[in-house]
Amino acid sequence: MTLRPDRIKLAPDLEISRLLSGLWQIADMEKDGRTLDPAPLAREMKAYAEAGFDTFDMADHYGSAEIIAGHFHDLHRSGEVKSAKPVLATKWCPTPGPMTRDVVRAAVDRARERLRVAKIDLLQFHWWMFQHPGYVDAMKELALLKEEGLIGHLGTTNFDTGHARLLHDHGIPLVTNQVCFSLLDRRAAGDMSAFCVKYGVRLLAYGTLAGGLLTEKWLGKARPRDVADWSTMKYLRFVDQVGGWDVLQAILTVAAKVAQRHGVSIGNVATRWVLEQKAVAGVIIGARLGEREHRADNLKVFGFALDQQDHRLLEDALAQSTPLPGDCGDEYRKPPFLTASGDLSHHLKAFPKVYQAQPMPARPARRRIDTGSIWEPLAGYSRAVRIGERILVSGTTATHGAGEVIAPGSPASQTVYILDKVRASIEALGAEMEDVVRTRVYLRDRNDWEEVSKAHGRVFGDIRPANTLLEASGLIGDYAVEIEAEAIVER
């Protein structure tokens, strides 16, 4: 029997292979300034599609990946590719800033032009810093372009649970969230999977082979010293974080035993383990077009399943590792920065502040910020004020822009948005969330205390400011929660 990749429907009109071909290594292949010829690499994509790997994942910053995929799409349209209609999923990863209708449409049109399609099958959105609220505007505009027929479906990339839920609660129609998920990185197995199962969002998992570290190539071998490719550099940081090279070797040893039981490879076992996680729709396997391919081995993933004994052996090995901290996507936004380039703090600090501080007219030594809310000039107050080393943040609600209420009826999502706004306010005045010493939380309904407290704890769990939680049933407007904060800058 000839094996073919299993398929899964993400929506009535969107069916994908459960093994997606990832084109991120195009960027690595072009990193020294070379530009790849798209025509021969499009024919390499043809071979993948005809073997059943007809779903391709790429991004606007993966070198010329979208251009190569556009040439491949032409081959399929001409009838030269003997496969079902391929699915082209791409990502948009903009620099944080105003996400106007023109900005969003220009990005979508650019991707459509490069892919040579009238409609993008799946557009996935990445956002660098949630304290900048532009991601809400971007997703609203993308949703309008979906209704217009320029986008088939929307997903996110590296969104944590709280912000993925916020978009859902605000009415954005998500079908996927693409996150790192592997035997080394199990963050997505917790709150993220619970959210996805509850609301019908599916995970697309990358990093499943940890840049090749979860394969036979490294079983019993010493830790590499001189690493040339970005993928291996990135996932060595994951290895260090979970306990080091010895922990990886212990996991590889057990995975090898499981693989031997089934007559497959360690990579097959690592991939199968992720595919069997309840919220996962597909796993993205890197395709180094024109250099090497592992299609025959990857197909073996669909010829076996892990049984209870396999899971028990793997769980015992994983128990010896240190779980990665935080939620999905945190590695791009805060320490430990588990990326190929390591510490991204310089990159994030290069982005402009969300709000701009200005002197108080009556007290020039004091500084304040406004966020554009209709209430600030109407009532005559500032969102935040700095006096010397002290920063006071006014009671803050989930007001987006001039007056839009974020996620009406969702106290948890409103709390997520509010604390992002508090963060942006404090940062504009030269401080960090670690400088917060007090918060006060006002609830319309005391029964919301637990979900609001958990959202508060995800931000302040390691900071531990003084806190007061009150029911204030007379909150004005369609708000479930309001939060104020105080910080002291001791540096």
Protein backbone atom coordinates (compact mmCIF):
# COMPACT_ATOMS: atom_id res chain seq x y z
CA MET A 1 0.00 0.00 0.00
CA THR A 2 1.32 3.43 -0.94
CA LEU A 3 1.15 5.85 1.97
CA ARG A 4 -0.22 9.35 1.48
CA PRO A 5 -0.38 12.15 4.04
CA ASP A 6 -3.61 12.26 6.03
CA ARG A 7 -5.82 15.26 5.33
CA ILE A 8 -7.97 17.41 7.57
CA LYS A 9 -10.63 20.05 6.98
CA LEU A 10 -10.06 23.35 8.72
CA ALA A 11 -13.23 24.73 7.15
CA PRO A 12 -15.74 23.44 4.59
CA ASP A 13 -13.65 24.98 1.80
CA LEU A 14 -10.17 24.52 3.29
CA GLU A 15 -8.62 21.06 3.43
CA ILE A 16 -4.92 20.63 4.10
CA SER A 17 -2.33 17.89 4.31
CA ARG A 18 -1.53 17.08 7.94
CA LEU A 19 2.14 17.41 7.00
CA LEU A 20 2.74 20.87 5.57
CA SER A 21 5.89 21.77 3.67
CA GLY A 22 7.54 24.79 5.31
CA LEU A 23 9.54 27.13 3.11
CA TRP A 24 11.31 29.09 5.85
CA GLN A 25 14.67 27.67 4.80
CA ILE A 26 14.47 29.68 1.58
CA ALA A 27 15.54 32.65 3.72
CA ASP A 28 18.48 30.66 5.08
CA MET A 29 19.48 29.61 1.56
CA GLU A 30 19.46 33.27 0.49
CA LYS A 31 21.01 34.76 3.63
CA ASP A 32 24.38 35.55 1.98
CA GLY A 33 22.75 37.78 -0.61
CA ARG A 34 22.11 35.19 -3.29
CA THR A 35 18.75 35.12 -5.06
CA LEU A 36 17.37 31.72 -6.00
CA ASP A 37 16.00 30.94 -9.45
CA PRO A 38 12.28 30.35 -8.87
CA ALA A 39 11.66 28.11 -11.90
CA PRO A 40 13.62 24.98 -10.81
CA LEU A 41 12.49 25.33 -7.21
CA ALA A 42 8.87 25.55 -8.37
CA ARG A 43 9.42 22.13 -9.97
CA GLU A 44 10.76 20.87 -6.64
CA MET A 45 7.43 21.98 -5.11
CA LYS A 46 5.68 20.01 -7.88
CA ALA A 47 7.34 16.80 -6.63
CA TYR A 48 6.10 17.51 -3.09
CA ALA A 49 2.54 18.17 -4.25
CA GLU A 50 2.38 15.02 -6.37
CA ALA A 51 3.53 12.98 -3.35
CA GLY A 52 0.59 14.36 -1.35
CA PHE A 53 2.47 17.18 0.40
CA ASP A 54 0.34 19.79 -1.32
CA THR A 55 0.06 22.34 1.51
CA PHE A 56 2.85 24.91 1.67
CA ASP A 57 3.61 27.37 4.47
CA MET A 58 5.63 30.54 3.90
CA ALA A 59 5.86 34.21 4.91
CA ASP A 60 6.56 37.63 3.50
CA HIS A 61 10.06 37.55 5.04
CA TYR A 62 11.09 34.03 3.98
CA GLY A 63 13.28 35.38 1.20
CA SER A 64 11.69 34.73 -2.20
CA ALA A 65 9.47 31.88 -0.94
CA GLU A 66 6.23 33.57 -2.05
CA ILE A 67 7.67 34.25 -5.51
CA ILE A 68 8.76 30.62 -5.90
CA ALA A 69 5.30 29.49 -4.76
CA GLY A 70 3.78 31.81 -7.37
CA HIS A 71 5.73 30.07 -10.13
CA PHE A 72 4.59 26.72 -8.71
CA HIS A 73 0.98 27.93 -8.74
CA ASP A 74 1.37 28.74 -12.44
CA LEU A 75 2.61 25.19 -13.07
CA HIS A 76 -0.47 23.77 -11.37
CA ARG A 77 -2.80 26.11 -13.21
CA SER A 78 -1.27 25.02 -16.52
CA GLY A 79 -2.02 21.38 -15.68
CA GLU A 80 1.59 20.35 -15.36
CA VAL A 81 1.20 19.44 -11.67
CA LYS A 82 -0.80 16.23 -11.25
CA SER A 83 -2.29 16.83 -7.81
CA ALA A 84 -5.24 18.34 -6.04
CA LYS A 85 -5.31 22.13 -5.90
CA PRO A 86 -2.41 23.10 -3.63
CA VAL A 87 -2.99 25.17 -0.50
CA LEU A 88 -0.70 28.20 -0.22
CA ALA A 89 -0.57 29.54 3.33
CA THR A 90 1.49 32.64 3.97
CA LYS A 91 2.15 35.04 6.81
CA TRP A 92 2.27 38.78 7.20
CA CYS A 93 4.73 40.00 9.86
CA PRO A 94 4.61 43.83 9.79
CA THR A 95 6.54 46.30 11.90
CA PRO A 96 4.23 47.59 14.65
CA GLY A 97 2.63 50.85 13.63
CA PRO A 98 -0.70 52.24 12.47
CA MET A 99 -2.58 49.50 10.67
CA THR A 100 -4.74 51.57 8.35
CA ARG A 101 -6.94 50.15 5.62
CA ASP A 102 -4.41 51.17 2.98
CA VAL A 103 -1.48 49.58 4.85
CA VAL A 104 -3.30 46.27 5.28
CA ARG A 105 -4.64 46.13 1.74
CA ALA A 106 -1.20 46.90 0.31
CA ALA A 107 0.31 43.98 2.22
CA VAL A 108 -2.41 41.58 1.04
CA ASP A 109 -2.13 42.78 -2.55
CA ARG A 110 1.65 42.32 -2.44
CA ALA A 111 1.26 38.73 -1.25
CA ARG A 112 -1.41 38.00 -3.87
CA GLU A 113 0.84 39.38 -6.59
CA ARG A 114 3.83 37.33 -5.48
CA LEU A 115 1.74 34.17 -5.11
CA ARG A 116 -0.03 34.90 -8.41
CA VAL A 117 -3.44 34.23 -6.90
CA ALA A 118 -6.70 36.13 -6.71
CA LYS A 119 -7.37 34.84 -3.20
CA ILE A 120 -4.89 33.79 -0.50
CA ASP A 121 -5.95 30.42 0.90
CA LEU A 122 -4.78 31.11 4.47
CA LEU A 123 -3.24 34.36 5.68
CA GLN A 124 -1.57 34.14 9.09
CA PHE A 125 -0.73 37.26 11.08
CA HIS A 126 2.25 37.80 13.39
CA TRP A 127 2.58 40.77 15.76
CA TRP A 128 5.74 41.68 17.63
CA MET A 129 4.45 43.61 20.64
CA PHE A 130 0.95 43.33 22.04
CA GLN A 131 1.28 46.58 23.98
CA HIS A 132 0.87 48.17 20.55
CA PRO A 133 -2.87 47.78 19.81
CA GLY A 134 -2.45 47.96 16.03
CA TYR A 135 -2.91 44.20 15.75
CA VAL A 136 -6.62 44.66 16.47
CA ASP A 137 -6.96 47.13 13.60
CA ALA A 138 -4.96 44.86 11.29
CA MET A 139 -7.11 41.83 12.02
CA LYS A 140 -10.32 43.83 11.58
CA GLU A 141 -9.15 45.01 8.16
CA LEU A 142 -8.04 41.49 7.21
CA ALA A 143 -11.48 40.23 8.18
CA LEU A 144 -13.03 42.79 5.81
CA LEU A 145 -10.71 41.65 3.02
CA LYS A 146 -11.80 38.09 3.74
CA GLU A 147 -15.41 39.15 3.25
CA GLU A 148 -14.34 40.86 0.03
CA GLY A 149 -12.94 37.56 -1.25
CA LEU A 150 -9.22 38.42 -1.28
CA ILE A 151 -8.48 36.02 1.60
CA GLY A 152 -9.95 32.58 2.12
CA HIS A 153 -9.28 32.19 5.86
CA LEU A 154 -7.41 33.93 8.66
CA GLY A 155 -4.96 32.58 11.18
CA THR A 156 -2.38 33.90 13.59
CA THR A 157 1.25 33.04 14.19
CA ASN A 158 2.92 32.93 17.60
CA PHE A 159 -0.06 34.43 19.41
CA ASP A 160 -0.29 33.48 23.07
CA THR A 161 -3.52 32.15 24.53
CA GLY A 162 -4.75 35.43 25.97
CA HIS A 163 -4.39 37.39 22.74
CA ALA A 164 -5.75 34.61 20.53
CA ARG A 165 -8.79 34.51 22.82
CA LEU A 166 -9.07 38.31 22.68
CA LEU A 167 -9.33 38.21 18.88
CA HIS A 168 -11.91 35.43 19.08
CA ASP A 169 -13.92 37.32 21.69
CA HIS A 170 -13.77 40.45 19.52
CA GLY A 171 -15.34 38.60 16.60
CA ILE A 172 -12.29 37.88 14.41
CA PRO A 173 -12.84 34.57 12.54
CA LEU A 174 -9.67 32.55 13.21
CA VAL A 175 -9.18 29.01 11.94
CA THR A 176 -5.55 28.46 12.99
CA ASN A 177 -2.73 29.58 15.24
CA GLN A 178 0.77 28.56 14.20
CA VAL A 179 3.04 27.86 17.17
CA CYS A 180 6.13 25.94 18.14
CA PHE A 181 5.21 22.47 19.46
CA SER A 182 7.56 19.54 20.01
CA LEU A 183 8.85 17.05 22.54
CA LEU A 184 11.12 19.88 23.71
CA ASP A 185 8.50 22.63 23.63
CA ARG A 186 5.19 21.56 25.15
CA ARG A 187 3.78 24.99 26.02
CA ALA A 188 0.95 24.59 23.49
CA ALA A 189 -0.35 21.47 25.25
CA GLY A 190 -1.81 23.50 28.14
CA ASP A 191 -4.07 26.55 28.04
CA MET A 192 -3.55 27.03 24.32
CA SER A 193 -4.90 23.59 23.42
CA ALA A 194 -7.83 24.01 25.81
CA PHE A 195 -8.75 27.30 24.14
CA CYS A 196 -8.45 25.80 20.65
CA VAL A 197 -10.58 22.76 21.46
CA LYS A 198 -13.27 24.93 23.03
CA TYR A 199 -13.53 27.40 20.16
CA GLY A 200 -12.64 25.32 17.11
CA VAL A 201 -9.27 26.91 16.37
CA ARG A 202 -6.62 24.44 15.17
CA LEU A 203 -2.89 24.52 15.75
CA LEU A 204 -0.29 24.33 13.01
CA ALA A 205 2.90 23.14 14.69
CA TYR A 206 6.41 24.08 13.66
CA GLY A 207 9.76 23.25 15.26
CA THR A 208 8.58 19.65 15.67
CA LEU A 209 12.00 18.21 14.82
CA ALA A 210 13.80 21.06 16.60
CA GLY A 211 15.81 21.96 13.55
CA GLY A 212 16.84 18.33 13.07
CA LEU A 213 18.00 17.85 16.67
CA LEU A 214 15.15 15.36 17.26
CA THR A 215 16.50 12.89 14.70
CA GLU A 216 18.99 10.03 14.53
CA LYS A 217 21.65 12.47 13.34
CA TRP A 218 22.27 13.62 16.91
CA LEU A 219 21.65 10.43 18.89
CA GLY A 220 24.79 9.67 20.90
CA LYS A 221 26.66 12.62 19.40
CA ALA A 222 28.39 15.53 21.08
CA ARG A 223 26.83 18.97 21.13
CA PRO A 224 27.71 20.84 17.92
CA ARG A 225 30.11 23.75 18.29
CA ASP A 226 30.15 25.58 14.97
CA VAL A 227 26.57 25.92 13.76
CA ALA A 228 25.94 27.47 10.36
CA ASP A 229 22.17 27.29 9.85
CA TRP A 230 19.65 29.44 11.69
CA SER A 231 17.31 26.60 12.55
CA THR A 232 19.89 24.62 14.51
CA MET A 233 21.09 27.77 16.27
CA LYS A 234 17.55 28.49 17.39
CA TYR A 235 16.71 25.06 18.74
CA LEU A 236 20.00 24.62 20.58
CA ARG A 237 18.67 27.44 22.78
CA PHE A 238 15.58 25.32 23.44
CA VAL A 239 17.81 22.38 24.40
CA ASP A 240 19.75 24.52 26.86
CA GLN A 241 16.52 25.83 28.37
CA VAL A 242 14.99 22.38 28.99
CA GLY A 243 18.06 21.07 30.75
CA GLY A 244 20.92 20.72 28.30
CA TRP A 245 22.42 18.23 25.91
CA ASP A 246 22.13 15.28 28.32
CA VAL A 247 18.37 15.83 28.57
CA LEU A 248 18.11 15.85 24.78
CA GLN A 249 20.09 12.60 24.61
CA ALA A 250 17.75 10.98 27.15
CA ILE A 251 14.72 11.96 25.04
CA LEU A 252 16.41 10.76 21.85
CA THR A 253 17.30 7.42 23.47
CA VAL A 254 13.70 6.75 24.45
CA ALA A 255 12.38 7.99 21.10
CA ALA A 256 14.79 5.58 19.41
CA LYS A 257 13.31 2.66 21.42
CA VAL A 258 9.81 3.67 20.39
CA ALA A 259 10.93 4.07 16.79
CA GLN A 260 12.49 0.61 16.78
CA ARG A 261 9.22 -0.91 18.04
CA HIS A 262 7.41 0.46 14.99
CA GLY A 263 10.18 0.26 12.41
CA VAL A 264 10.27 4.00 11.87
CA SER A 265 12.65 6.89 12.52
CA ILE A 266 13.09 9.10 15.58
CA GLY A 267 11.78 12.00 13.48
CA ASN A 268 8.64 9.98 12.72
CA VAL A 269 8.07 9.42 16.45
CA ALA A 270 8.62 13.10 17.28
CA THR A 271 6.22 14.14 14.52
CA ARG A 272 3.60 11.54 15.38
CA TRP A 273 3.62 12.63 19.03
CA VAL A 274 2.71 16.19 18.00
CA LEU A 275 0.13 15.08 15.44
CA GLU A 276 -1.68 13.12 18.14
CA GLN A 277 -2.08 16.19 20.37
CA LYS A 278 -5.77 17.08 20.56
CA ALA A 279 -5.68 20.59 19.06
CA VAL A 280 -3.10 19.99 16.33
CA ALA A 281 -4.31 20.00 12.73
CA GLY A 282 -0.93 19.72 11.06
CA VAL A 283 2.83 19.72 11.46
CA ILE A 284 5.08 21.88 9.32
CA ILE A 285 8.25 20.14 8.15
CA GLY A 286 10.96 22.27 6.59
CA ALA A 287 11.62 21.69 2.89
CA ARG A 288 15.09 22.66 1.69
CA LEU A 289 14.10 22.80 -1.96
CA GLY A 290 16.69 21.61 -4.42
CA GLU A 291 19.15 20.49 -1.75
CA ARG A 292 17.65 17.54 0.12
CA GLU A 293 14.25 15.98 0.81
CA HIS A 294 12.82 13.40 3.22
CA ARG A 295 9.38 12.76 1.70
CA ALA A 296 9.60 8.96 1.82
CA ASP A 297 10.57 8.96 5.49
CA ASN A 298 7.97 11.58 6.40
CA LEU A 299 5.21 9.48 4.85
CA LYS A 300 5.90 6.76 7.43
CA VAL A 301 4.28 9.03 10.02
CA PHE A 302 0.92 7.86 8.67
CA GLY A 303 1.70 4.17 8.88
CA PHE A 304 1.66 3.80 12.68
CA ALA A 305 0.23 5.28 15.88
CA LEU A 306 1.71 5.64 19.34
CA ASP A 307 0.19 3.28 21.91
CA GLN A 308 -0.06 3.61 25.68
CA GLN A 309 3.34 2.05 26.23
CA ASP A 310 4.94 4.51 23.81
CA HIS A 311 3.33 7.49 25.50
CA ARG A 312 4.35 6.24 28.93
CA LEU A 313 7.99 5.83 27.84
CA LEU A 314 8.05 9.30 26.31
CA GLU A 315 6.33 10.90 29.29
CA ASP A 316 8.90 9.38 31.67
CA ALA A 317 11.71 10.85 29.56
CA LEU A 318 10.03 14.24 29.30
CA ALA A 319 9.53 14.34 33.06
CA GLN A 320 13.30 14.69 33.41
CA SER A 321 13.30 17.93 31.41
CA THR A 322 12.48 21.46 32.55
CA PRO A 323 9.32 22.77 30.88
CA LEU A 324 9.81 25.90 28.82
CA PRO A 325 8.41 28.94 30.64
CA GLY A 326 5.50 31.06 29.55
CA ASP A 327 3.05 30.73 26.70
CA CYS A 328 3.35 30.23 22.97
CA GLY A 329 5.25 32.97 21.16
CA ASP A 330 6.80 34.44 24.31
CA GLU A 331 10.26 33.73 22.90
CA TYR A 332 9.75 36.59 20.43
CA ARG A 333 8.68 39.14 23.03
CA LYS A 334 10.49 38.57 26.32
CA PRO A 335 13.34 36.58 27.91
CA PRO A 336 14.43 33.94 27.39
CA PHE A 337 14.56 34.90 23.71
CA LEU A 338 14.67 31.45 22.13
CA THR A 339 15.31 32.56 18.57
CA ALA A 340 18.16 32.08 16.11
CA SER A 341 19.52 35.52 16.89
CA GLY A 342 19.10 35.17 20.64
CA ASP A 343 18.33 38.29 22.66
CA LEU A 344 15.72 40.33 20.77
CA SER A 345 15.51 43.17 23.30
CA HIS A 346 17.50 45.46 20.97
CA HIS A 347 15.08 44.62 18.14
CA LEU A 348 12.00 45.32 20.23
CA LYS A 349 13.45 48.55 21.65
CA ALA A 350 13.99 49.76 18.09
CA PHE A 351 10.23 49.94 17.58
CA PRO A 352 8.74 53.36 18.40
CA LYS A 353 6.84 53.74 21.65
CA VAL A 354 3.10 53.30 21.35
CA TYR A 355 2.45 56.62 23.12
CA GLN A 356 4.58 59.75 23.32
CA ALA A 357 5.22 61.45 26.66
CA GLN A 358 4.78 65.19 26.86
CA PRO A 359 5.35 67.77 29.64
CA MET A 360 2.45 68.85 31.82
CA PRO A 361 1.59 72.46 30.86
CA ALA A 362 1.29 73.63 34.47
CA ARG A 363 4.23 71.53 35.75
CA PRO A 364 6.83 71.09 32.97
CA ALA A 365 8.98 68.81 35.13
CA ARG A 366 6.14 66.30 35.14
CA ARG A 367 5.33 64.20 32.09
CA ARG A 368 2.09 62.65 30.95
CA ILE A 369 0.65 60.59 28.10
CA ASP A 370 -2.67 60.41 26.27
CA THR A 371 -3.89 57.34 24.41
CA GLY A 372 -6.48 58.94 22.13
CA SER A 373 -9.48 57.90 24.18
CA ILE A 374 -12.48 60.23 23.88
CA TRP A 375 -12.69 60.28 27.68
CA GLU A 376 -9.27 61.79 28.40
CA PRO A 377 -9.89 65.31 27.01
CA LEU A 378 -13.58 65.18 27.94
CA ALA A 379 -12.92 64.53 31.62
CA GLY A 380 -9.61 66.39 31.72
CA TYR A 381 -7.20 63.66 32.80
CA SER A 382 -4.12 61.86 31.53
CA ARG A 383 -3.76 58.14 30.97
CA ALA A 384 -0.56 58.22 33.00
CA VAL A 385 1.59 60.79 34.78
CA ARG A 386 5.24 60.62 35.89
CA ILE A 387 6.39 62.70 38.84
CA GLY A 388 10.05 62.08 39.54
CA GLU A 389 10.44 58.34 40.04
CA ARG A 390 6.71 57.74 40.48
CA ILE A 391 4.32 56.78 37.67
CA LEU A 392 0.56 56.77 38.19
CA VAL A 393 -1.69 55.08 35.61
CA SER A 394 -5.35 56.09 35.63
CA GLY A 395 -8.15 53.56 35.82
CA THR A 396 -7.90 51.90 32.42
CA THR A 397 -10.59 50.11 30.46
CA ALA A 398 -10.56 48.06 27.26
CA THR A 399 -11.15 51.12 25.10
CA HIS A 400 -9.57 50.82 21.66
CA GLY A 401 -8.80 53.99 19.78
CA ALA A 402 -11.28 56.79 20.31
CA GLY A 403 -14.03 54.70 21.88
CA GLU A 404 -14.38 51.12 20.61
CA VAL A 405 -14.89 48.56 23.40
CA ILE A 406 -12.72 45.47 23.05
CA ALA A 407 -14.35 42.06 23.56
CA PRO A 408 -17.63 43.15 25.20
CA GLY A 409 -18.76 40.51 27.65
CA SER A 410 -15.32 38.94 28.10
CA PRO A 411 -13.67 40.02 31.38
CA ALA A 412 -10.55 37.94 30.69
CA SER A 413 -9.93 39.41 27.25
CA GLN A 414 -10.64 42.92 28.48
CA THR A 415 -8.05 42.39 31.22
CA VAL A 416 -5.47 41.26 28.66
CA TYR A 417 -6.07 44.38 26.57
CA ILE A 418 -6.04 46.68 29.61
CA LEU A 419 -2.72 45.38 30.91
CA ASP A 420 -1.18 45.83 27.46
CA LYS A 421 -2.37 49.43 27.57
CA VAL A 422 -0.92 49.87 31.05
CA ARG A 423 2.39 48.43 29.79
CA ALA A 424 2.48 50.84 26.84
CA SER A 425 1.73 53.77 29.17
CA ILE A 426 4.47 52.87 31.61
CA GLU A 427 7.02 52.24 28.86
CA ALA A 428 6.27 55.62 27.28
CA LEU A 429 7.29 57.20 30.58
CA GLY A 430 10.60 55.35 30.75
CA ALA A 431 9.70 52.40 32.95
CA GLU A 432 8.87 48.70 32.68
CA MET A 433 6.16 46.46 34.06
CA GLU A 434 8.73 45.16 36.56
CA ASP A 435 8.59 48.63 38.14
CA VAL A 436 4.89 48.29 39.03
CA VAL A 437 4.35 48.21 42.80
CA ARG A 438 0.56 48.41 43.03
CA THR A 439 -2.52 47.56 40.99
CA ARG A 440 -6.19 48.03 41.75
CA VAL A 441 -8.79 45.99 39.88
CA TYR A 442 -12.47 46.98 39.72
CA LEU A 443 -15.03 44.37 38.60
CA ARG A 444 -18.59 44.92 37.49
CA ASP A 445 -19.42 41.40 38.67
CA ARG A 446 -17.53 39.75 41.53
CA ASN A 447 -18.10 36.35 39.88
CA ASP A 448 -15.53 37.32 37.26
CA TRP A 449 -12.76 37.45 39.86
CA GLU A 450 -11.06 34.20 38.89
CA GLU A 451 -10.63 34.71 35.14
CA VAL A 452 -9.57 38.33 35.67
CA SER A 453 -7.14 37.32 38.41
CA LYS A 454 -5.59 34.65 36.19
CA ALA A 455 -5.06 37.17 33.39
CA HIS A 456 -3.52 39.56 35.94
CA GLY A 457 -1.31 36.75 37.23
CA ARG A 458 0.03 35.89 33.78
CA VAL A 459 1.49 39.40 33.60
CA PHE A 460 2.44 39.98 37.23
CA GLY A 461 3.17 36.45 38.46
CA ASP A 462 6.90 37.14 38.80
CA ILE A 463 6.55 40.85 39.67
CA ARG A 464 4.06 40.49 42.52
CA PRO A 465 2.91 44.09 43.14
CA ALA A 466 0.52 44.96 45.93
CA ASN A 467 -3.04 44.47 44.68
CA THR A 468 -6.62 45.25 45.59
CA LEU A 469 -9.65 43.62 43.93
CA LEU A 470 -13.05 45.30 44.28
CA GLU A 471 -16.55 44.89 42.91
CA ALA A 472 -17.80 48.18 41.45
CA SER A 473 -21.10 47.33 39.84
CA GLY A 474 -21.53 50.90 38.62
CA LEU A 475 -18.72 50.79 36.06
CA ILE A 476 -19.58 53.22 33.28
CA GLY A 477 -19.96 51.86 29.77
CA ASP A 478 -19.86 48.32 28.42
CA TYR A 479 -16.88 47.36 30.53
CA ALA A 480 -16.46 44.32 32.75
CA VAL A 481 -13.23 45.47 34.40
CA GLU A 482 -11.12 48.55 35.04
CA ILE A 483 -7.52 48.58 36.33
CA GLU A 484 -5.20 51.26 37.66
CA ALA A 485 -1.50 50.89 38.43
CA GLU A 486 1.42 52.58 40.11
CA ALA A 487 5.12 52.14 39.37
CA ILE A 488 8.30 53.40 40.99
CA VAL A 489 11.45 53.68 38.90
CA GLU A 490 14.35 52.91 41.21
CA ARG A 491 17.08 52.82 38.57
